[in-house]
C-alpha atoms as a PDB file:
ATOM      1  CA  UNK A   1     -16.034  34.042 -39.330  1.00  0.00           C
ATOM      2  CA  UNK A   2     -13.091  34.008 -36.926  1.00  0.00           C
ATOM      3  CA  UNK A   3     -10.726  31.181 -36.008  1.00  0.00           C
ATOM      4  CA  UNK A   4      -8.200  31.220 -33.186  1.00  0.00           C
ATOM      5  CA  UNK A   5      -4.832  29.545 -33.762  1.00  0.00           C
ATOM      6  CA  UNK A   6      -2.773  28.750 -30.656  1.00  0.00           C
ATOM      7  CA  UNK A   7      -0.094  29.209 -29.564  1.00  0.00           C
ATOM      8  CA  UNK A   8       1.355  32.095 -31.551  1.00  0.00           C
ATOM      9  CA  UNK A   9       4.639  30.675 -32.830  1.00  0.00           C
ATOM     10  CA  UNK A  10       7.804  32.364 -34.007  1.00  0.00           C
ATOM     11  CA  UNK A  11      11.295  31.321 -34.994  1.00  0.00           C
ATOM     12  CA  UNK A  12      12.108  28.263 -37.108  1.00  0.00           C
ATOM     13  CA  UNK A  13      10.864  24.716 -37.290  1.00  0.00           C
ATOM     14  CA  UNK A  14       8.006  22.671 -38.661  1.00  0.00           C
ATOM     15  CA  UNK A  15       5.183  24.013 -36.455  1.00  0.00           C
ATOM     16  CA  UNK A  16       6.114  27.608 -37.315  1.00  0.00           C
ATOM     17  CA  UNK A  17       6.111  26.884 -41.052  1.00  0.00           C
ATOM     18  CA  UNK A  18       2.791  25.069 -40.779  1.00  0.00           C
ATOM     19  CA  UNK A  19       1.147  27.885 -38.832  1.00  0.00           C
ATOM     20  CA  UNK A  20       2.321  30.566 -41.239  1.00  0.00           C
ATOM     21  CA  UNK A  21       1.102  28.626 -44.262  1.00  0.00           C
ATOM     22  CA  UNK A  22      -2.275  27.747 -42.798  1.00  0.00           C
ATOM     23  CA  UNK A  23      -3.009  31.240 -41.475  1.00  0.00           C
ATOM     24  CA  UNK A  24      -2.041  32.797 -44.791  1.00  0.00           C
ATOM     25  CA  UNK A  25      -4.277  30.355 -46.647  1.00  0.00           C
ATOM     26  CA  UNK A  26      -7.277  30.992 -44.384  1.00  0.00           C
ATOM     27  CA  UNK A  27      -6.847  34.748 -44.629  1.00  0.00           C
ATOM     28  CA  UNK A  28      -6.702  34.597 -48.433  1.00  0.00           C
ATOM     29  CA  UNK A  29     -10.069  32.824 -48.303  1.00  0.00           C
ATOM     30  CA  UNK A  30     -11.529  35.690 -46.267  1.00  0.00           C
ATOM     31  CA  UNK A  31     -11.437  34.222 -42.767  1.00  0.00           C
ATOM     32  CA  UNK A  32     -10.286  36.199 -39.760  1.00  0.00           C
ATOM     33  CA  UNK A  33      -7.521  34.559 -37.700  1.00  0.00           C
ATOM     34  CA  UNK A  34      -6.631  35.636 -34.152  1.00  0.00           C
ATOM     35  CA  UNK A  35      -4.387  34.312 -31.373  1.00  0.00           C
ATOM     36  CA  UNK A  36      -6.681  35.136 -28.430  1.00  0.00           C
ATOM     37  CA  UNK A  37      -9.138  32.388 -27.330  1.00  0.00           C
ATOM     38  CA  UNK A  38     -11.180  35.063 -25.515  1.00  0.00           C
ATOM     39  CA  UNK A  39     -12.025  36.832 -28.763  1.00  0.00           C
ATOM     40  CA  UNK A  40     -15.842  37.168 -28.590  1.00  0.00           C
ATOM     41  CA  UNK A  41     -16.642  36.096 -32.169  1.00  0.00           C
ATOM     42  CA  UNK A  42     -14.267  33.131 -32.231  1.00  0.00           C
ATOM     43  CA  UNK A  43     -16.067  30.012 -33.483  1.00  0.00           C
ATOM     44  CA  UNK A  44     -13.223  27.459 -33.430  1.00  0.00           C
ATOM     45  CA  UNK A  45      -9.780  27.073 -31.906  1.00  0.00           C
ATOM     46  CA  UNK A  46      -6.967  25.199 -33.617  1.00  0.00           C
ATOM     47  CA  UNK A  47      -4.447  24.146 -31.014  1.00  0.00           C
ATOM     48  CA  UNK A  48      -1.067  23.266 -32.478  1.00  0.00           C
ATOM     49  CA  UNK A  49      -0.006  20.626 -29.977  1.00  0.00           C
ATOM     50  CA  UNK A  50      -0.805  22.161 -26.621  1.00  0.00           C
ATOM     51  CA  UNK A  51       0.646  22.887 -23.199  1.00  0.00           C
ATOM     52  CA  UNK A  52      -0.386  22.884 -19.563  1.00  0.00           C
ATOM     53  CA  UNK A  53      -0.308  26.700 -19.643  1.00  0.00           C
ATOM     54  CA  UNK A  54      -3.027  26.802 -22.297  1.00  0.00           C
ATOM     55  CA  UNK A  55      -5.295  24.156 -20.764  1.00  0.00           C
ATOM     56  CA  UNK A  56      -7.351  26.576 -18.625  1.00  0.00           C
ATOM     57  CA  UNK A  57      -7.959  28.943 -21.559  1.00  0.00           C
ATOM     58  CA  UNK A  58      -8.995  26.036 -23.760  1.00  0.00           C
ATOM     59  CA  UNK A  59     -11.368  24.707 -21.112  1.00  0.00           C
ATOM     60  CA  UNK A  60     -13.074  28.093 -20.726  1.00  0.00           C
ATOM     61  CA  UNK A  61     -13.437  28.465 -24.492  1.00  0.00           C
ATOM     62  CA  UNK A  62     -14.994  25.025 -24.727  1.00  0.00           C
ATOM     63  CA  UNK A  63     -17.500  25.957 -22.021  1.00  0.00           C
ATOM     64  CA  UNK A  64     -18.590  28.897 -24.217  1.00  0.00           C
ATOM     65  CA  UNK A  65     -19.336  26.528 -27.073  1.00  0.00           C
ATOM     66  CA  UNK A  66     -16.159  27.165 -29.067  1.00  0.00           C
ATOM     67  CA  UNK A  67     -15.042  24.108 -31.008  1.00  0.00           C
ATOM     68  CA  UNK A  68     -11.566  22.928 -29.955  1.00  0.00           C
ATOM     69  CA  UNK A  69      -9.475  21.197 -32.627  1.00  0.00           C
ATOM     70  CA  UNK A  70      -6.101  19.771 -31.598  1.00  0.00           C
ATOM     71  CA  UNK A  71      -3.386  19.157 -34.171  1.00  0.00           C
ATOM     72  CA  UNK A  72      -1.000  16.413 -33.087  1.00  0.00           C
ATOM     73  CA  UNK A  73       2.325  15.182 -34.358  1.00  0.00           C
ATOM     74  CA  UNK A  74       4.212  12.517 -32.433  1.00  0.00           C
ATOM     75  CA  UNK A  75       5.357  12.300 -28.827  1.00  0.00           C
ATOM     76  CA  UNK A  76       8.640  13.052 -27.100  1.00  0.00           C
ATOM     77  CA  UNK A  77      10.583   9.813 -26.789  1.00  0.00           C
ATOM     78  CA  UNK A  78      14.336  10.308 -27.136  1.00  0.00           C
ATOM     79  CA  UNK A  79      14.591  11.641 -23.566  1.00  0.00           C
ATOM     80  CA  UNK A  80      13.668   8.148 -22.352  1.00  0.00           C
ATOM     81  CA  UNK A  81      16.843   6.824 -23.950  1.00  0.00           C
ATOM     82  CA  UNK A  82      19.080   8.875 -21.698  1.00  0.00           C
ATOM     83  CA  UNK A  83      19.359  11.778 -24.103  1.00  0.00           C
ATOM     84  CA  UNK A  84      19.449  15.375 -22.896  1.00  0.00           C
ATOM     85  CA  UNK A  85      19.715  15.217 -19.104  1.00  0.00           C
ATOM     86  CA  UNK A  86      17.204  15.435 -16.245  1.00  0.00           C
ATOM     87  CA  UNK A  87      15.791  18.858 -17.056  1.00  0.00           C
ATOM     88  CA  UNK A  88      15.130  17.845 -20.635  1.00  0.00           C
ATOM     89  CA  UNK A  89      13.553  14.595 -19.423  1.00  0.00           C
ATOM     90  CA  UNK A  90      11.123  16.340 -17.080  1.00  0.00           C
ATOM     91  CA  UNK A  91      10.173  18.981 -19.646  1.00  0.00           C
ATOM     92  CA  UNK A  92       9.534  16.290 -22.271  1.00  0.00           C
ATOM     93  CA  UNK A  93       7.369  14.219 -19.937  1.00  0.00           C
ATOM     94  CA  UNK A  94       5.346  17.265 -18.896  1.00  0.00           C
ATOM     95  CA  UNK A  95       4.752  18.135 -22.528  1.00  0.00           C
ATOM     96  CA  UNK A  96       3.590  14.591 -23.309  1.00  0.00           C
ATOM     97  CA  UNK A  97       1.215  14.677 -20.346  1.00  0.00           C
ATOM     98  CA  UNK A  98      -0.273  18.039 -21.389  1.00  0.00           C
ATOM     99  CA  UNK A  99      -0.823  16.867 -24.962  1.00  0.00           C
ATOM    100  CA  UNK A 100      -2.502  13.670 -23.782  1.00  0.00           C
ATOM    101  CA  UNK A 101      -4.727  15.531 -21.298  1.00  0.00           C
ATOM    102  CA  UNK A 102      -5.950  18.000 -23.908  1.00  0.00           C
ATOM    103  CA  UNK A 103      -6.460  15.209 -26.432  1.00  0.00           C
ATOM    104  CA  UNK A 104      -8.595  13.168 -24.035  1.00  0.00           C
ATOM    105  CA  UNK A 105     -10.490  15.806 -22.064  1.00  0.00           C
ATOM    106  CA  UNK A 106     -10.578  19.168 -23.880  1.00  0.00           C
ATOM    107  CA  UNK A 107     -10.392  18.661 -27.628  1.00  0.00           C
ATOM    108  CA  UNK A 108     -13.576  18.100 -29.636  1.00  0.00           C
ATOM    109  CA  UNK A 109     -11.739  16.871 -32.712  1.00  0.00           C
ATOM    110  CA  UNK A 110      -8.201  15.684 -33.461  1.00  0.00           C
ATOM    111  CA  UNK A 111      -6.146  16.247 -36.589  1.00  0.00           C
ATOM    112  CA  UNK A 112      -3.146  13.926 -36.830  1.00  0.00           C
ATOM    113  CA  UNK A 113      -0.275  14.833 -39.115  1.00  0.00           C
ATOM    114  CA  UNK A 114       0.014  11.270 -40.439  1.00  0.00           C
ATOM    115  CA  UNK A 115      -1.385   7.785 -40.019  1.00  0.00           C
ATOM    116  CA  UNK A 116       1.819   6.952 -38.179  1.00  0.00           C
ATOM    117  CA  UNK A 117       1.142   9.729 -35.663  1.00  0.00           C
ATOM    118  CA  UNK A 118      -2.440   8.561 -35.107  1.00  0.00           C
ATOM    119  CA  UNK A 119      -1.351   4.991 -34.508  1.00  0.00           C
ATOM    120  CA  UNK A 120       1.355   6.122 -32.085  1.00  0.00           C
ATOM    121  CA  UNK A 121      -1.116   8.126 -30.008  1.00  0.00           C
ATOM    122  CA  UNK A 122      -3.732   5.382 -30.057  1.00  0.00           C
ATOM    123  CA  UNK A 123      -1.203   2.822 -28.823  1.00  0.00           C
ATOM    124  CA  UNK A 124       0.390   5.040 -26.198  1.00  0.00           C
ATOM    125  CA  UNK A 125      -2.567   7.023 -24.856  1.00  0.00           C
ATOM    126  CA  UNK A 126      -5.567   4.971 -25.939  1.00  0.00           C
ATOM    127  CA  UNK A 127      -7.926   5.245 -28.892  1.00  0.00           C
ATOM    128  CA  UNK A 128     -10.645   7.882 -28.503  1.00  0.00           C
ATOM    129  CA  UNK A 129     -14.305   7.869 -29.479  1.00  0.00           C
ATOM    130  CA  UNK A 130     -14.263  11.365 -30.952  1.00  0.00           C
ATOM    131  CA  UNK A 131     -13.949  12.658 -34.526  1.00  0.00           C
ATOM    132  CA  UNK A 132     -10.455  12.607 -35.971  1.00  0.00           C
ATOM    133  CA  UNK A 133      -8.719  12.703 -39.327  1.00  0.00           C
ATOM    134  CA  UNK A 134      -5.278  12.739 -40.916  1.00  0.00           C
ATOM    135  CA  UNK A 135      -4.121  15.870 -42.761  1.00  0.00           C
ATOM    136  CA  UNK A 136      -0.586  16.030 -44.118  1.00  0.00           C
ATOM    137  CA  UNK A 137       1.477  19.195 -44.015  1.00  0.00           C
ATOM    138  CA  UNK A 138       1.761  20.940 -47.365  1.00  0.00           C
ATOM    139  CA  UNK A 139       3.601  23.671 -49.235  1.00  0.00           C
ATOM    140  CA  UNK A 140       2.999  26.325 -51.843  1.00  0.00           C
ATOM    141  CA  UNK A 141       3.772  24.331 -54.986  1.00  0.00           C
ATOM    142  CA  UNK A 142       4.536  27.507 -56.923  1.00  0.00           C
ATOM    143  CA  UNK A 143       7.194  28.585 -54.444  1.00  0.00           C
ATOM    144  CA  UNK A 144       8.594  25.097 -53.823  1.00  0.00           C
ATOM    145  CA  UNK A 145       9.146  24.005 -57.388  1.00  0.00           C
ATOM    146  CA  UNK A 146      11.784  22.345 -59.582  1.00  0.00           C
ATOM    147  CA  UNK A 147      11.786  25.536 -61.626  1.00  0.00           C
ATOM    148  CA  UNK A 148      14.054  28.304 -60.393  1.00  0.00           C
ATOM    149  CA  UNK A 149      17.595  29.219 -59.507  1.00  0.00           C
ATOM    150  CA  UNK A 150      19.891  26.449 -58.329  1.00  0.00           C
ATOM    151  CA  UNK A 151      23.558  25.518 -58.193  1.00  0.00           C
ATOM    152  CA  UNK A 152      23.494  21.732 -58.378  1.00  0.00           C
ATOM    153  CA  UNK A 153      27.087  20.574 -58.845  1.00  0.00           C
ATOM    154  CA  UNK A 154      28.129  18.437 -61.800  1.00  0.00           C
ATOM    155  CA  UNK A 155      31.586  17.501 -60.496  1.00  0.00           C
ATOM    156  CA  UNK A 156      30.341  15.867 -57.283  1.00  0.00           C
ATOM    157  CA  UNK A 157      27.208  14.604 -55.576  1.00  0.00           C
ATOM    158  CA  UNK A 158      25.459  16.588 -52.873  1.00  0.00           C
ATOM    159  CA  UNK A 159      23.499  14.851 -50.097  1.00  0.00           C
ATOM    160  CA  UNK A 160      21.275  17.270 -48.188  1.00  0.00           C
ATOM    161  CA  UNK A 161      20.113  17.028 -44.575  1.00  0.00           C
ATOM    162  CA  UNK A 162      17.653  19.645 -43.269  1.00  0.00           C
ATOM    163  CA  UNK A 163      16.726  19.859 -39.591  1.00  0.00           C
ATOM    164  CA  UNK A 164      15.765  22.834 -37.436  1.00  0.00           C
ATOM    165  CA  UNK A 165      17.969  21.821 -34.515  1.00  0.00           C
ATOM    166  CA  UNK A 166      20.377  18.896 -34.295  1.00  0.00           C
ATOM    167  CA  UNK A 167      20.622  18.161 -30.579  1.00  0.00           C
ATOM    168  CA  UNK A 168      18.671  16.761 -27.641  1.00  0.00           C
ATOM    169  CA  UNK A 169      19.124  13.199 -28.883  1.00  0.00           C
ATOM    170  CA  UNK A 170      18.850  13.980 -32.596  1.00  0.00           C
ATOM    171  CA  UNK A 171      22.616  13.828 -33.017  1.00  0.00           C
ATOM    172  CA  UNK A 172      22.199  10.211 -34.156  1.00  0.00           C
ATOM    173  CA  UNK A 173      20.590  11.440 -37.363  1.00  0.00           C
ATOM    174  CA  UNK A 174      23.707  13.431 -38.183  1.00  0.00           C
ATOM    175  CA  UNK A 175      25.895  10.412 -37.390  1.00  0.00           C
ATOM    176  CA  UNK A 176      23.827   8.317 -39.824  1.00  0.00           C
ATOM    177  CA  UNK A 177      24.143  10.975 -42.524  1.00  0.00           C
ATOM    178  CA  UNK A 178      27.911  11.017 -42.104  1.00  0.00           C
ATOM    179  CA  UNK A 179      28.115   7.212 -42.205  1.00  0.00           C
ATOM    180  CA  UNK A 180      26.104   7.262 -45.438  1.00  0.00           C
ATOM    181  CA  UNK A 181      28.418   9.865 -46.947  1.00  0.00           C
ATOM    182  CA  UNK A 182      31.486   7.858 -45.930  1.00  0.00           C
ATOM    183  CA  UNK A 183      30.227   4.743 -47.686  1.00  0.00           C
ATOM    184  CA  UNK A 184      29.158   6.644 -50.799  1.00  0.00           C
ATOM    185  CA  UNK A 185      32.621   8.187 -51.084  1.00  0.00           C
ATOM    186  CA  UNK A 186      34.128   4.715 -50.959  1.00  0.00           C
ATOM    187  CA  UNK A 187      31.842   3.348 -53.674  1.00  0.00           C
ATOM    188  CA  UNK A 188      31.407   6.194 -56.177  1.00  0.00           C
ATOM    189  CA  UNK A 189      33.854   7.641 -58.678  1.00  0.00           C
ATOM    190  CA  UNK A 190      32.823  11.226 -57.871  1.00  0.00           C
ATOM    191  CA  UNK A 191      33.245  12.803 -54.425  1.00  0.00           C
ATOM    192  CA  UNK A 192      30.196  13.233 -52.188  1.00  0.00           C
ATOM    193  CA  UNK A 193      29.398  16.353 -50.174  1.00  0.00           C
ATOM    194  CA  UNK A 194      27.113  16.314 -47.151  1.00  0.00           C
ATOM    195  CA  UNK A 195      25.307  19.640 -46.766  1.00  0.00           C
ATOM    196  CA  UNK A 196      23.788  20.153 -43.305  1.00  0.00           C
ATOM    197  CA  UNK A 197      21.106  22.815 -42.878  1.00  0.00           C
ATOM    198  CA  UNK A 198      20.113  23.475 -39.272  1.00  0.00           C
ATOM    199  CA  UNK A 199      21.435  24.574 -35.920  1.00  0.00           C
ATOM    200  CA  UNK A 200      24.431  22.496 -34.805  1.00  0.00           C
ATOM    201  CA  UNK A 201      26.394  23.183 -31.650  1.00  0.00           C
ATOM    202  CA  UNK A 202      30.017  24.249 -31.991  1.00  0.00           C
ATOM    203  CA  UNK A 203      31.082  21.223 -29.955  1.00  0.00           C
ATOM    204  CA  UNK A 204      29.287  18.752 -32.239  1.00  0.00           C
ATOM    205  CA  UNK A 205      30.502  20.439 -35.389  1.00  0.00           C
ATOM    206  CA  UNK A 206      34.125  20.401 -34.243  1.00  0.00           C
ATOM    207  CA  UNK A 207      33.855  16.739 -33.264  1.00  0.00           C
ATOM    208  CA  UNK A 208      32.728  15.680 -36.715  1.00  0.00           C
ATOM    209  CA  UNK A 209      35.212  17.927 -38.470  1.00  0.00           C
ATOM    210  CA  UNK A 210      37.938  15.991 -36.643  1.00  0.00           C
ATOM    211  CA  UNK A 211      36.454  12.499 -37.014  1.00  0.00           C
ATOM    212  CA  UNK A 212      34.190  12.299 -40.071  1.00  0.00           C
ATOM    213  CA  UNK A 213      36.822  12.290 -42.795  1.00  0.00           C
ATOM    214  CA  UNK A 214      34.287  13.515 -45.369  1.00  0.00           C
ATOM    215  CA  UNK A 215      33.306  16.794 -46.976  1.00  0.00           C
ATOM    216  CA  UNK A 216      30.664  18.508 -44.813  1.00  0.00           C
ATOM    217  CA  UNK A 217      29.199  21.921 -45.607  1.00  0.00           C
ATOM    218  CA  UNK A 218      27.696  23.445 -42.452  1.00  0.00           C
ATOM    219  CA  UNK A 219      24.998  25.891 -43.544  1.00  0.00           C
ATOM    220  CA  UNK A 220      23.527  26.641 -40.108  1.00  0.00           C
ATOM    221  CA  UNK A 221      20.041  28.078 -39.859  1.00  0.00           C
ATOM    222  CA  UNK A 222      18.897  29.606 -43.123  1.00  0.00           C
ATOM    223  CA  UNK A 223      15.917  31.746 -44.048  1.00  0.00           C
ATOM    224  CA  UNK A 224      12.879  29.847 -45.290  1.00  0.00           C
ATOM    225  CA  UNK A 225      13.093  31.741 -48.583  1.00  0.00           C
ATOM    226  CA  UNK A 226      16.417  30.028 -49.359  1.00  0.00           C
ATOM    227  CA  UNK A 227      15.181  26.459 -48.902  1.00  0.00           C
ATOM    228  CA  UNK A 228      13.732  25.973 -52.417  1.00  0.00           C
ATOM    229  CA  UNK A 229      17.022  26.905 -54.076  1.00  0.00           C
ATOM    230  CA  UNK A 230      18.983  24.727 -51.645  1.00  0.00           C
ATOM    231  CA  UNK A 231      16.675  21.779 -52.410  1.00  0.00           C
ATOM    232  CA  UNK A 232      17.066  22.269 -56.138  1.00  0.00           C
ATOM    233  CA  UNK A 233      20.851  22.382 -55.672  1.00  0.00           C
ATOM    234  CA  UNK A 234      21.112  18.891 -54.122  1.00  0.00           C
ATOM    235  CA  UNK A 235      20.907  15.396 -55.606  1.00  0.00           C
ATOM    236  CA  UNK A 236      18.975  13.794 -52.755  1.00  0.00           C
ATOM    237  CA  UNK A 237      17.615  14.528 -49.288  1.00  0.00           C
ATOM    238  CA  UNK A 238      18.396  12.259 -46.364  1.00  0.00           C
ATOM    239  CA  UNK A 239      15.519  12.358 -43.864  1.00  0.00           C
ATOM    240  CA  UNK A 240      17.272  11.873 -40.537  1.00  0.00           C
ATOM    241  CA  UNK A 241      14.480  11.890 -37.921  1.00  0.00           C
ATOM    242  CA  UNK A 242      13.599   8.283 -37.082  1.00  0.00           C
ATOM    243  CA  UNK A 243      10.038   8.851 -35.865  1.00  0.00           C
ATOM    244  CA  UNK A 244       8.979  12.062 -37.573  1.00  0.00           C
ATOM    245  CA  UNK A 245       5.206  12.541 -37.763  1.00  0.00           C
ATOM    246  CA  UNK A 246       5.246  14.593 -40.971  1.00  0.00           C
ATOM    247  CA  UNK A 247       8.551  16.367 -41.602  1.00  0.00           C
ATOM    248  CA  UNK A 248       8.235  19.562 -43.621  1.00  0.00           C
ATOM    249  CA  UNK A 249      11.745  19.076 -44.999  1.00  0.00           C
ATOM    250  CA  UNK A 250      10.577  15.949 -46.851  1.00  0.00           C
ATOM    251  CA  UNK A 251       7.507  17.627 -48.350  1.00  0.00           C
ATOM    252  CA  UNK A 252       9.498  20.703 -49.365  1.00  0.00           C
ATOM    253  CA  UNK A 253      12.109  18.508 -51.023  1.00  0.00           C
ATOM    254  CA  UNK A 254       9.540  16.489 -52.967  1.00  0.00           C
ATOM    255  CA  UNK A 255       7.864  19.679 -54.179  1.00  0.00           C
ATOM    256  CA  UNK A 256      11.222  20.870 -55.512  1.00  0.00           C
ATOM    257  CA  UNK A 257      11.733  17.584 -57.333  1.00  0.00           C
ATOM    258  CA  UNK A 258      14.354  16.344 -54.872  1.00  0.00           C
ATOM    259  CA  UNK A 259      14.097  12.600 -54.193  1.00  0.00           C
ATOM    260  CA  UNK A 260      14.241  11.422 -50.584  1.00  0.00           C
ATOM    261  CA  UNK A 261      15.966   8.517 -48.868  1.00  0.00           C
ATOM    262  CA  UNK A 262      15.695   7.356 -45.292  1.00  0.00           C
ATOM    263  CA  UNK A 263      14.742   4.474 -43.072  1.00  0.00           C
ATOM    264  CA  UNK A 264      11.251   2.977 -43.182  1.00  0.00           C
ATOM    265  CA  UNK A 265      10.342   4.477 -39.814  1.00  0.00           C
ATOM    266  CA  UNK A 266       7.898   7.123 -38.677  1.00  0.00           C
ATOM    267  CA  UNK A 267       5.708   8.612 -41.394  1.00  0.00           C
ATOM    268  CA  UNK A 268       8.411   8.535 -44.074  1.00  0.00           C
ATOM    269  CA  UNK A 269       7.052   5.509 -46.007  1.00  0.00           C
ATOM    270  CA  UNK A 270       3.571   7.024 -46.334  1.00  0.00           C
ATOM    271  CA  UNK A 271       4.964  10.424 -47.386  1.00  0.00           C
ATOM    272  CA  UNK A 272       7.464   9.226 -49.978  1.00  0.00           C
ATOM    273  CA  UNK A 273       5.193   6.555 -51.448  1.00  0.00           C
ATOM    274  CA  UNK A 274       6.449   4.163 -54.103  1.00  0.00           C
ATOM    275  CA  UNK A 275       8.324   6.390 -56.528  1.00  0.00           C
ATOM    276  CA  UNK A 276       9.376   9.711 -54.959  1.00  0.00           C
ATOM    277  CA  UNK A 277      12.423   8.194 -53.258  1.00  0.00           C
ATOM    278  CA  UNK A 278      13.475   5.066 -51.416  1.00  0.00           C
ATOM    279  CA  UNK A 279      13.086   3.984 -47.800  1.00  0.00           C
ATOM    280  CA  UNK A 280      14.909   0.962 -46.423  1.00  0.00           C
ATOM    281  CA  UNK A 281      14.489  -1.326 -43.449  1.00  0.00           C
ATOM    282  CA  UNK A 282      16.250   0.067 -40.388  1.00  0.00           C
ATOM    283  CA  UNK A 283      17.844  -3.279 -39.649  1.00  0.00           C
ATOM    284  CA  UNK A 284      17.232  -3.306 -35.882  1.00  0.00           C
ATOM    285  CA  UNK A 285      15.057  -1.809 -33.171  1.00  0.00           C
ATOM    286  CA  UNK A 286      15.116   1.898 -33.935  1.00  0.00           C
ATOM    287  CA  UNK A 287      13.049   2.670 -30.827  1.00  0.00           C
ATOM    288  CA  UNK A 288      16.070   1.534 -28.827  1.00  0.00           C
ATOM    289  CA  UNK A 289      18.525   3.249 -31.186  1.00  0.00           C
ATOM    290  CA  UNK A 290      20.195   0.016 -32.244  1.00  0.00           C
ATOM    291  CA  UNK A 291      22.801   0.352 -35.040  1.00  0.00           C
ATOM    292  CA  UNK A 292      21.106   1.058 -38.395  1.00  0.00           C
ATOM    293  CA  UNK A 293      21.406  -0.561 -41.802  1.00  0.00           C
ATOM    294  CA  UNK A 294      23.766   1.932 -43.420  1.00  0.00           C
ATOM    295  CA  UNK A 295      24.646  -0.516 -46.217  1.00  0.00           C
ATOM    296  CA  UNK A 296      21.018  -0.669 -47.317  1.00  0.00           C
ATOM    297  CA  UNK A 297      20.741   3.097 -47.107  1.00  0.00           C
ATOM    298  CA  UNK A 298      23.844   3.483 -49.259  1.00  0.00           C
ATOM    299  CA  UNK A 299      22.476   1.117 -51.904  1.00  0.00           C
ATOM    300  CA  UNK A 300      19.251   3.144 -52.026  1.00  0.00           C
ATOM    301  CA  UNK A 301      21.204   6.381 -52.393  1.00  0.00           C
ATOM    302  CA  UNK A 302      23.215   4.946 -55.274  1.00  0.00           C
ATOM    303  CA  UNK A 303      19.992   4.019 -57.055  1.00  0.00           C
ATOM    304  CA  UNK A 304      18.639   7.560 -56.682  1.00  0.00           C
ATOM    305  CA  UNK A 305      21.893   9.073 -57.906  1.00  0.00           C
ATOM    306  CA  UNK A 306      21.964   6.780 -60.934  1.00  0.00           C
ATOM    307  CA  UNK A 307      18.332   7.516 -61.899  1.00  0.00           C
ATOM    308  CA  UNK A 308      18.045  11.205 -61.085  1.00  0.00           C
ATOM    309  CA  UNK A 309      15.691  12.184 -63.911  1.00  0.00           C
ATOM    310  CA  UNK A 310      13.152   9.487 -63.077  1.00  0.00           C
ATOM    311  CA  UNK A 311      13.076  10.096 -59.340  1.00  0.00           C
ATOM    312  CA  UNK A 312      13.109  13.883 -59.598  1.00  0.00           C
ATOM    313  CA  UNK A 313      10.060  13.814 -61.844  1.00  0.00           C
ATOM    314  CA  UNK A 314       8.298  11.308 -59.570  1.00  0.00           C
ATOM    315  CA  UNK A 315       9.061  13.406 -56.486  1.00  0.00           C
ATOM    316  CA  UNK A 316       7.356  16.449 -57.987  1.00  0.00           C
ATOM    317  CA  UNK A 317       4.363  14.399 -59.120  1.00  0.00           C
ATOM    318  CA  UNK A 318       3.976  13.002 -55.612  1.00  0.00           C
ATOM    319  CA  UNK A 319       3.932  16.526 -54.157  1.00  0.00           C
ATOM    320  CA  UNK A 320       1.370  17.715 -56.688  1.00  0.00           C
ATOM    321  CA  UNK A 321      -0.902  14.755 -55.914  1.00  0.00           C
ATOM    322  CA  UNK A 322      -0.748  14.877 -52.103  1.00  0.00           C
ATOM    323  CA  UNK A 323       0.895  17.988 -50.656  1.00  0.00           C
ATOM    324  CA  UNK A 324      -0.691  21.065 -52.209  1.00  0.00           C
ATOM    325  CA  UNK A 325      -1.346  23.980 -49.859  1.00  0.00           C
ATOM    326  CA  UNK A 326      -4.908  24.467 -51.129  1.00  0.00           C
ATOM    327  CA  UNK A 327      -5.709  20.874 -50.274  1.00  0.00           C
ATOM    328  CA  UNK A 328      -4.356  21.189 -46.734  1.00  0.00           C
ATOM    329  CA  UNK A 329      -6.185  24.457 -46.031  1.00  0.00           C
ATOM    330  CA  UNK A 330      -9.393  22.954 -47.353  1.00  0.00           C
ATOM    331  CA  UNK A 331      -9.099  19.916 -45.086  1.00  0.00           C
ATOM    332  CA  UNK A 332      -8.472  22.063 -42.002  1.00  0.00           C
ATOM    333  CA  UNK A 333     -11.372  24.304 -42.964  1.00  0.00           C
ATOM    334  CA  UNK A 334     -13.705  21.303 -42.952  1.00  0.00           C
ATOM    335  CA  UNK A 335     -12.651  20.450 -39.400  1.00  0.00           C
ATOM    336  CA  UNK A 336     -12.830  24.016 -38.111  1.00  0.00           C
ATOM    337  CA  UNK A 337     -16.294  24.497 -39.581  1.00  0.00           C
END
């Protein structure tokens, strides 16, 4: 049996990691996976998001009786807050329109990455009378594990932030991470290091080096193989994206036994649960990027730092219960079949 996964992704980021993990899992189970919707023996197409360019191919495949499954995260929204310029605005709106069109007219079934993502789409584009489900992203729990090499410091605390690209309106997440680190340094007896993994422009990096007044380690983009050790080498992960549908960085951290803090926005509360970390009220309207509740975030971070053993164990247990790769592949297989 053959499945088609579209589009063929490369580079870094959540969708790339998801595609690689799912395809590998399906192939290990004996299924053939292609990237061409015209493949004659293709029975189902899994569309990761979607685009206007792919709409015609998807329509033709559907006419041949191929099942079309669309996987959806959230929607572009920061461009509507004056972030990124006109070109970025138009590209973001076009992408939202293409996703909504495929969701309503071409897809047979929808897989949402979280309950938050489903609710967002239902509110913004209307609820649909077609089969849908929620399937969380997952990781290989043997690869992402508390066991393995690490260099967690004992003479200072390390706060980790992992994002693919910090720009296009996502600079606010970095600003929040720095504000958290500033307050922790004022309140704790040991120094606090902020480690930033992800692509950061030279301009933004230089700005914060001049104005932050805290210890920041800029790691840049790193290979996926290094992430488990980096997670094990930190004391907590700060999840910076305010409306993330299902951030891989959170799931990878939990699997490595790294507790997570962040604001109670997006899918973060449903991912972290009750014991794998702490999420706090944002303190304002985060959709309008009002100033956040950094004091509450700092208090949560201090709790995690003071109770590391408890939260690290709970983080791993949460990953084992909800985010195993076998479970995710099995859920997608049900939809594709």
